[in-house]
Amino acid sequence: MTTTPTTPLPADQLAAIATALDELRAARMAPHAFSELARAQAALLETLPPRYAQVLADVLDRLESSALFSEESCSFSQGGLIDSLQTWVDKARGQIGGMAG
């Protein structure tokens, strides 16, 4: 049985999100660019339970909104959103790891 190499595996897509999150945290990636990358990981989002896609979409929406305003005028901090995204990545990693066995 062969797999199509053009379709990244969910674990690879999760790794891409985790790497991009590190870039976002270090201010080497814009929030909008991170959001686009995260939303594009279809194989990962289809593999995870549906609530993961909803939670990710909600946090990304808030992240994009926070980028439009200064830290002081926004109702939620970008740092807090990045922490939420890290939690999402950690929980998704646990889900993917549990499926690989």
Protein backbone atom coordinates (compact mmCIF):
# COMPACT_ATOMS: atom_id res chain seq x y z
CA MET A 1 0.00 0.00 0.00
CA THR A 2 1.38 3.39 -0.95
CA THR A 3 0.57 6.84 0.31
CA THR A 4 0.44 9.95 -1.78
CA PRO A 5 3.51 12.03 -0.91
CA THR A 6 1.80 15.24 -2.03
CA THR A 7 -0.61 15.12 0.92
CA PRO A 8 1.16 15.92 4.20
CA LEU A 9 0.32 13.63 7.08
CA PRO A 10 -1.64 15.14 10.00
CA ALA A 11 1.44 14.87 12.24
CA ASP A 12 3.48 16.81 9.68
CA GLN A 13 0.77 19.47 9.47
CA LEU A 14 0.70 19.74 13.26
CA ALA A 15 4.49 20.15 13.26
CA ALA A 16 4.10 22.96 10.71
CA ILE A 17 1.61 24.73 12.99
CA ALA A 18 3.90 24.27 16.02
CA THR A 19 6.88 25.70 14.11
CA ALA A 20 4.80 28.62 12.86
CA LEU A 21 3.58 29.25 16.42
CA ASP A 22 7.20 29.56 17.54
CA GLU A 23 7.73 32.08 14.73
CA LEU A 24 4.60 33.99 15.77
CA ARG A 25 5.72 34.05 19.41
CA ALA A 26 9.12 35.44 18.34
CA ALA A 27 7.38 38.09 16.16
CA ARG A 28 8.94 36.63 13.00
CA MET A 29 5.50 35.80 11.58
CA ALA A 30 2.45 38.04 11.35
CA PRO A 31 -0.76 36.86 13.04
CA HIS A 32 -2.60 36.85 9.71
CA ALA A 33 0.06 34.67 8.08
CA PHE A 34 -0.06 32.24 11.01
CA SER A 35 -3.83 32.09 10.79
CA GLU A 36 -3.74 31.33 7.06
CA LEU A 37 -1.20 28.56 7.59
CA ALA A 38 -3.15 27.01 10.47
CA ARG A 39 -6.47 27.10 8.62
CA ALA A 40 -4.87 25.43 5.57
CA GLN A 41 -3.96 22.22 7.43
CA ALA A 42 -7.02 20.31 6.20
CA ALA A 43 -5.72 16.76 6.78
CA LEU A 44 -4.94 17.58 10.41
CA LEU A 45 -8.28 19.27 11.05
CA GLU A 46 -10.18 16.39 9.43
CA THR A 47 -8.30 13.85 11.57
CA LEU A 48 -8.93 15.59 14.90
CA PRO A 49 -12.31 15.54 16.64
CA PRO A 50 -14.59 18.30 15.23
CA ARG A 51 -14.35 20.47 18.33
CA TYR A 52 -10.63 21.00 17.64
CA ALA A 53 -11.39 22.75 14.35
CA GLN A 54 -13.99 24.95 16.06
CA VAL A 55 -11.71 25.90 18.94
CA LEU A 56 -8.85 26.65 16.54
CA ALA A 57 -11.11 28.78 14.33
CA ASP A 58 -12.32 30.75 17.36
CA VAL A 59 -8.80 31.44 18.64
CA LEU A 60 -7.57 32.36 15.15
CA ASP A 61 -10.49 34.78 14.72
CA ARG A 62 -9.54 36.49 17.98
CA LEU A 63 -5.85 36.51 17.00
CA GLU A 64 -6.67 38.22 13.70
CA SER A 65 -8.85 40.75 15.53
CA SER A 66 -6.15 41.45 18.10
CA ALA A 67 -3.70 42.23 15.30
CA LEU A 68 -5.94 45.10 14.18
CA PHE A 69 -5.64 46.94 17.48
CA SER A 70 -2.91 47.88 19.90
CA GLU A 71 -2.45 45.55 22.86
CA GLU A 72 -4.12 48.07 25.19
CA SER A 73 -7.29 48.60 23.17
CA CYS A 74 -7.99 44.94 22.50
CA SER A 75 -10.25 42.96 24.82
CA PHE A 76 -7.82 40.01 24.81
CA SER A 77 -4.04 39.94 24.71
CA GLN A 78 -2.11 38.49 21.83
CA GLY A 79 0.19 36.79 24.34
CA GLY A 80 -2.79 35.06 25.92
CA LEU A 81 -4.00 33.93 22.51
CA ILE A 82 -0.57 32.53 21.68
CA ASP A 83 -0.68 30.61 24.98
CA SER A 84 -4.12 29.28 23.99
CA LEU A 85 -2.75 28.19 20.62
CA GLN A 86 0.13 26.40 22.37
CA THR A 87 -2.39 24.54 24.53
CA TRP A 88 -4.33 23.61 21.38
CA VAL A 89 -1.14 22.30 19.72
CA ASP A 90 -0.23 20.29 22.83
CA LYS A 91 -3.70 18.70 23.05
CA ALA A 92 -3.79 18.02 19.30
CA ARG A 93 -0.37 16.36 19.58
CA GLY A 94 -1.83 14.06 22.25
CA GLN A 95 -4.77 13.22 19.97
CA ILE A 96 -2.54 12.50 16.95
CA GLY A 97 -0.10 10.50 19.08
CA GLY A 98 -2.95 8.38 20.40
CA MET A 99 -4.14 7.64 16.87
CA ALA A 100 -0.72 6.56 15.62
CA GLY A 101 -0.58 3.48 17.87
